Amino acid sequence: MAYTQDPPQDLEPLLNAEQEHLSLLFSDSEAIDNKTLGIAAINVAILIFIGQASLQLQNWQLAALIGPYLISLALNIATIWPRRYEGPGVDIDTHPEYLAMDKETLVMQLLSDTFNAVQNNTVINNKRWRLCVISIVCSALGTGVLFAIL
C-alpha cells in the first residue's frame, strides 16, 4: 500500500474561532471601562458628600477618610487610560505581501496575527482587571472608614 499525503487541513474554522475570541476580549475591555466608570462615579459622589458634610475631623482622620477614595480614583484613571489593543486587520499599504499569498499561507498568517493579538489583548485586560479590583477594594476601605467616623 502506497503512502498518500493527507489533504491540507482547513484552518478557516480555527481562524474564525480565534477572531471570535478576539471579539470577546474587546467586549471584556468595554465591560472593564463600564465598571471602572461606575466606581469612579461612586467615589466622586462620596467625596462630594464628605466635602458637604462639614465634618469636624483632625487632619489624620480626614486623610484616612478621603485617601482611599483618591487612590481609588487614581486607579480608575489608570484603568481607563487608553491602551494599544491589537486587532486582526492588516494594513495592505504597509504589508502588500498579504495580497500575493496563496489562500493556505494567508490563512496561516492571519491565524498567527490573530493569535498574537489575542495574547497581547489578554495581557492588557488582565492588568486592567487587577487595577479595577484594587480600586474596588480601596473604595470599600474608604466606605468602612466613613462608617467608622460617622
C-alpha atoms as a PDB file:
ATOM      1  CA  MET A   1       0.000   0.000   0.000  1.00  0.00           C
ATOM      2  CA  ALA A   2       1.458   3.328  -1.023  1.00  0.00           C
ATOM      3  CA  TYR A   3       1.665   6.238   1.397  1.00  0.00           C
ATOM      4  CA  THR A   4      -0.617   9.087   0.481  1.00  0.00           C
ATOM      5  CA  GLN A   5      -0.290  12.558   1.900  1.00  0.00           C
ATOM      6  CA  ASP A   6      -3.211  13.779   3.960  1.00  0.00           C
ATOM      7  CA  PRO A   7      -5.211  16.564   2.351  1.00  0.00           C
ATOM      8  CA  PRO A   8      -4.374  20.011   3.727  1.00  0.00           C
ATOM      9  CA  GLN A   9      -6.268  20.838   6.874  1.00  0.00           C
ATOM     10  CA  ASP A  10      -8.880  23.584   6.620  1.00  0.00           C
ATOM     11  CA  LEU A  11      -7.782  26.166   9.196  1.00  0.00           C
ATOM     12  CA  GLU A  12     -10.505  28.704   8.473  1.00  0.00           C
ATOM     13  CA  PRO A  13     -12.775  27.455  11.310  1.00  0.00           C
ATOM     14  CA  LEU A  14      -9.846  27.882  13.716  1.00  0.00           C
ATOM     15  CA  LEU A  15      -9.224  31.376  12.335  1.00  0.00           C
ATOM     16  CA  ASN A  16     -12.915  32.204  12.833  1.00  0.00           C
ATOM     17  CA  ALA A  17     -12.767  30.904  16.406  1.00  0.00           C
ATOM     18  CA  GLU A  18      -9.673  32.980  17.198  1.00  0.00           C
ATOM     19  CA  GLN A  19     -11.283  36.086  15.708  1.00  0.00           C
ATOM     20  CA  GLU A  20     -14.374  35.458  17.836  1.00  0.00           C
ATOM     21  CA  HIS A  21     -12.087  35.134  20.881  1.00  0.00           C
ATOM     22  CA  LEU A  22     -10.561  38.483  19.960  1.00  0.00           C
ATOM     23  CA  SER A  23     -14.048  39.983  19.709  1.00  0.00           C
ATOM     24  CA  LEU A  24     -14.840  38.715  23.216  1.00  0.00           C
ATOM     25  CA  LEU A  25     -11.676  40.385  24.521  1.00  0.00           C
ATOM     26  CA  PHE A  26     -12.828  43.710  23.064  1.00  0.00           C
ATOM     27  CA  SER A  27     -16.200  43.225  24.773  1.00  0.00           C
ATOM     28  CA  ASP A  28     -14.370  42.432  28.010  1.00  0.00           C
ATOM     29  CA  SER A  29     -12.464  45.693  27.629  1.00  0.00           C
ATOM     30  CA  GLU A  30     -15.725  47.622  27.337  1.00  0.00           C
ATOM     31  CA  ALA A  31     -17.044  45.892  30.473  1.00  0.00           C
ATOM     32  CA  ILE A  32     -13.917  46.931  32.358  1.00  0.00           C
ATOM     33  CA  ASP A  33     -14.433  50.541  31.245  1.00  0.00           C
ATOM     34  CA  ASN A  34     -18.087  50.497  32.324  1.00  0.00           C
ATOM     35  CA  LYS A  35     -17.341  49.058  35.767  1.00  0.00           C
ATOM     36  CA  THR A  36     -14.453  51.447  36.294  1.00  0.00           C
ATOM     37  CA  LEU A  37     -16.518  54.474  35.342  1.00  0.00           C
ATOM     38  CA  GLY A  38     -19.254  53.328  37.733  1.00  0.00           C
ATOM     39  CA  ILE A  39     -16.759  53.036  40.571  1.00  0.00           C
ATOM     40  CA  ALA A  40     -15.336  56.456  39.707  1.00  0.00           C
ATOM     41  CA  ALA A  41     -18.823  57.986  39.820  1.00  0.00           C
ATOM     42  CA  ILE A  42     -19.449  56.466  43.246  1.00  0.00           C
ATOM     43  CA  ASN A  43     -16.095  57.738  44.511  1.00  0.00           C
ATOM     44  CA  VAL A  44     -16.809  61.262  43.287  1.00  0.00           C
ATOM     45  CA  ALA A  45     -20.302  61.210  44.830  1.00  0.00           C
ATOM     46  CA  ILE A  46     -18.892  60.095  48.195  1.00  0.00           C
ATOM     47  CA  LEU A  47     -16.147  62.730  48.069  1.00  0.00           C
ATOM     48  CA  ILE A  48     -18.777  65.404  47.358  1.00  0.00           C
ATOM     49  CA  PHE A  49     -20.811  64.107  50.314  1.00  0.00           C
ATOM     50  CA  ILE A  50     -17.747  64.277  52.576  1.00  0.00           C
ATOM     51  CA  GLY A  51     -16.987  67.793  51.358  1.00  0.00           C
ATOM     52  CA  GLN A  52     -20.524  68.995  52.049  1.00  0.00           C
ATOM     53  CA  ALA A  53     -20.904  67.188  55.372  1.00  0.00           C
ATOM     54  CA  SER A  54     -18.786  69.766  57.253  1.00  0.00           C
ATOM     55  CA  LEU A  55     -17.295  67.073  59.434  1.00  0.00           C
ATOM     56  CA  GLN A  56     -15.129  68.260  62.294  1.00  0.00           C
ATOM     57  CA  LEU A  57     -12.156  65.974  61.738  1.00  0.00           C
ATOM     58  CA  GLN A  58      -8.490  66.123  62.548  1.00  0.00           C
ATOM     59  CA  ASN A  59      -6.102  66.092  59.610  1.00  0.00           C
ATOM     60  CA  TRP A  60      -5.180  62.419  60.033  1.00  0.00           C
ATOM     61  CA  GLN A  61      -8.861  61.452  60.148  1.00  0.00           C
ATOM     62  CA  LEU A  62      -9.587  63.467  57.031  1.00  0.00           C
ATOM     63  CA  ALA A  63      -6.612  61.838  55.257  1.00  0.00           C
ATOM     64  CA  ALA A  64      -7.761  58.376  56.365  1.00  0.00           C
ATOM     65  CA  LEU A  65     -11.255  59.186  55.102  1.00  0.00           C
ATOM     66  CA  ILE A  66     -10.545  60.657  51.686  1.00  0.00           C
ATOM     67  CA  GLY A  67      -7.233  58.888  50.981  1.00  0.00           C
ATOM     68  CA  PRO A  68      -8.732  55.547  49.874  1.00  0.00           C
ATOM     69  CA  TYR A  69     -11.197  57.323  47.577  1.00  0.00           C
ATOM     70  CA  LEU A  70      -8.434  59.389  45.981  1.00  0.00           C
ATOM     71  CA  ILE A  71      -6.321  56.257  45.495  1.00  0.00           C
ATOM     72  CA  SER A  72      -9.332  54.519  44.001  1.00  0.00           C
ATOM     73  CA  LEU A  73      -9.894  57.439  41.622  1.00  0.00           C
ATOM     74  CA  ALA A  74      -6.227  57.329  40.564  1.00  0.00           C
ATOM     75  CA  LEU A  75      -6.615  53.597  39.887  1.00  0.00           C
ATOM     76  CA  ASN A  76      -9.803  54.332  37.918  1.00  0.00           C
ATOM     77  CA  ILE A  77      -7.878  56.741  35.718  1.00  0.00           C
ATOM     78  CA  ALA A  78      -5.076  54.204  35.255  1.00  0.00           C
ATOM     79  CA  THR A  79      -7.647  51.546  34.344  1.00  0.00           C
ATOM     80  CA  ILE A  80      -9.468  53.569  31.694  1.00  0.00           C
ATOM     81  CA  TRP A  81      -6.316  55.150  30.282  1.00  0.00           C
ATOM     82  CA  PRO A  82      -6.154  54.226  26.571  1.00  0.00           C
ATOM     83  CA  ARG A  83      -4.144  51.115  25.717  1.00  0.00           C
ATOM     84  CA  ARG A  84      -2.877  49.844  22.396  1.00  0.00           C
ATOM     85  CA  TYR A  85      -5.061  46.867  21.601  1.00  0.00           C
ATOM     86  CA  GLU A  86      -4.216  44.785  18.568  1.00  0.00           C
ATOM     87  CA  GLY A  87      -6.735  43.642  16.013  1.00  0.00           C
ATOM     88  CA  PRO A  88      -6.850  41.070  13.251  1.00  0.00           C
ATOM     89  CA  GLY A  89      -6.790  43.650  10.460  1.00  0.00           C
ATOM     90  CA  VAL A  90      -3.897  44.131   8.104  1.00  0.00           C
ATOM     91  CA  ASP A  91      -2.878  47.424   6.519  1.00  0.00           C
ATOM     92  CA  ILE A  92      -2.369  46.451   2.892  1.00  0.00           C
ATOM     93  CA  ASP A  93      -0.372  49.637   2.221  1.00  0.00           C
ATOM     94  CA  THR A  94       2.151  48.595   4.877  1.00  0.00           C
ATOM     95  CA  HIS A  95       2.033  44.858   4.120  1.00  0.00           C
ATOM     96  CA  PRO A  96       1.310  44.381   0.397  1.00  0.00           C
ATOM     97  CA  GLU A  97       2.793  40.875   0.610  1.00  0.00           C
ATOM     98  CA  TYR A  98      -0.542  39.662   2.010  1.00  0.00           C
ATOM     99  CA  LEU A  99      -2.075  40.203  -1.442  1.00  0.00           C
ATOM    100  CA  ALA A 100       0.464  37.874  -3.058  1.00  0.00           C
ATOM    101  CA  MET A 101      -0.052  34.982  -0.611  1.00  0.00           C
ATOM    102  CA  ASP A 102      -1.894  31.849  -1.620  1.00  0.00           C
ATOM    103  CA  LYS A 103      -5.009  31.022   0.398  1.00  0.00           C
ATOM    104  CA  GLU A 104      -3.355  28.499   2.723  1.00  0.00           C
ATOM    105  CA  THR A 105      -0.432  30.806   3.522  1.00  0.00           C
ATOM    106  CA  LEU A 106      -2.776  33.760   4.011  1.00  0.00           C
ATOM    107  CA  VAL A 107      -4.992  31.835   6.432  1.00  0.00           C
ATOM    108  CA  MET A 108      -1.905  30.680   8.368  1.00  0.00           C
ATOM    109  CA  GLN A 109      -0.560  34.253   8.548  1.00  0.00           C
ATOM    110  CA  LEU A 110      -3.920  35.691   9.607  1.00  0.00           C
ATOM    111  CA  LEU A 111      -4.240  32.935  12.202  1.00  0.00           C
ATOM    112  CA  SER A 112      -0.814  33.843  13.577  1.00  0.00           C
ATOM    113  CA  ASP A 113      -1.654  37.572  13.592  1.00  0.00           C
ATOM    114  CA  THR A 114      -4.952  36.927  15.377  1.00  0.00           C
ATOM    115  CA  PHE A 115      -3.335  34.619  17.936  1.00  0.00           C
ATOM    116  CA  ASN A 116      -0.712  37.294  18.728  1.00  0.00           C
ATOM    117  CA  ALA A 117      -3.464  39.913  19.071  1.00  0.00           C
ATOM    118  CA  VAL A 118      -5.388  37.624  21.452  1.00  0.00           C
ATOM    119  CA  GLN A 119      -2.297  37.128  23.613  1.00  0.00           C
ATOM    120  CA  ASN A 120      -1.495  40.865  23.697  1.00  0.00           C
ATOM    121  CA  ASN A 121      -5.070  41.896  24.470  1.00  0.00           C
ATOM    122  CA  THR A 122      -5.449  39.236  27.163  1.00  0.00           C
ATOM    123  CA  VAL A 123      -2.410  40.633  28.982  1.00  0.00           C
ATOM    124  CA  ILE A 124      -3.806  44.176  28.745  1.00  0.00           C
ATOM    125  CA  ASN A 125      -7.244  43.135  30.041  1.00  0.00           C
ATOM    126  CA  ASN A 126      -5.737  41.150  32.932  1.00  0.00           C
ATOM    127  CA  LYS A 127      -3.771  44.214  34.058  1.00  0.00           C
ATOM    128  CA  ARG A 128      -6.865  46.407  33.757  1.00  0.00           C
ATOM    129  CA  TRP A 129      -8.988  43.920  35.758  1.00  0.00           C
ATOM    130  CA  ARG A 130      -6.404  43.915  38.547  1.00  0.00           C
ATOM    131  CA  LEU A 131      -6.451  47.723  38.697  1.00  0.00           C
ATOM    132  CA  CYS A 132     -10.252  47.685  38.761  1.00  0.00           C
ATOM    133  CA  VAL A 133     -10.389  45.162  41.614  1.00  0.00           C
ATOM    134  CA  ILE A 134      -7.810  47.097  43.649  1.00  0.00           C
ATOM    135  CA  SER A 135      -9.881  50.238  43.061  1.00  0.00           C
ATOM    136  CA  ILE A 136     -12.975  48.473  44.418  1.00  0.00           C
ATOM    137  CA  VAL A 137     -11.029  47.351  47.499  1.00  0.00           C
ATOM    138  CA  CYS A 138      -9.796  50.907  48.124  1.00  0.00           C
ATOM    139  CA  SER A 139     -13.297  52.287  47.730  1.00  0.00           C
ATOM    140  CA  ALA A 140     -14.670  49.663  50.129  1.00  0.00           C
ATOM    141  CA  LEU A 141     -11.912  50.524  52.609  1.00  0.00           C
ATOM    142  CA  GLY A 142     -12.861  54.187  52.359  1.00  0.00           C
ATOM    143  CA  THR A 143     -16.504  53.320  52.958  1.00  0.00           C
ATOM    144  CA  GLY A 144     -15.538  51.327  56.050  1.00  0.00           C
ATOM    145  CA  VAL A 145     -13.595  54.312  57.379  1.00  0.00           C
ATOM    146  CA  LEU A 146     -16.534  56.612  56.563  1.00  0.00           C
ATOM    147  CA  PHE A 147     -18.945  54.462  58.576  1.00  0.00           C
ATOM    148  CA  ALA A 148     -16.461  54.218  61.432  1.00  0.00           C
ATOM    149  CA  ILE A 149     -16.094  58.008  61.601  1.00  0.00           C
ATOM    150  CA  LEU A 150     -19.790  58.764  61.249  1.00  0.00           C
END
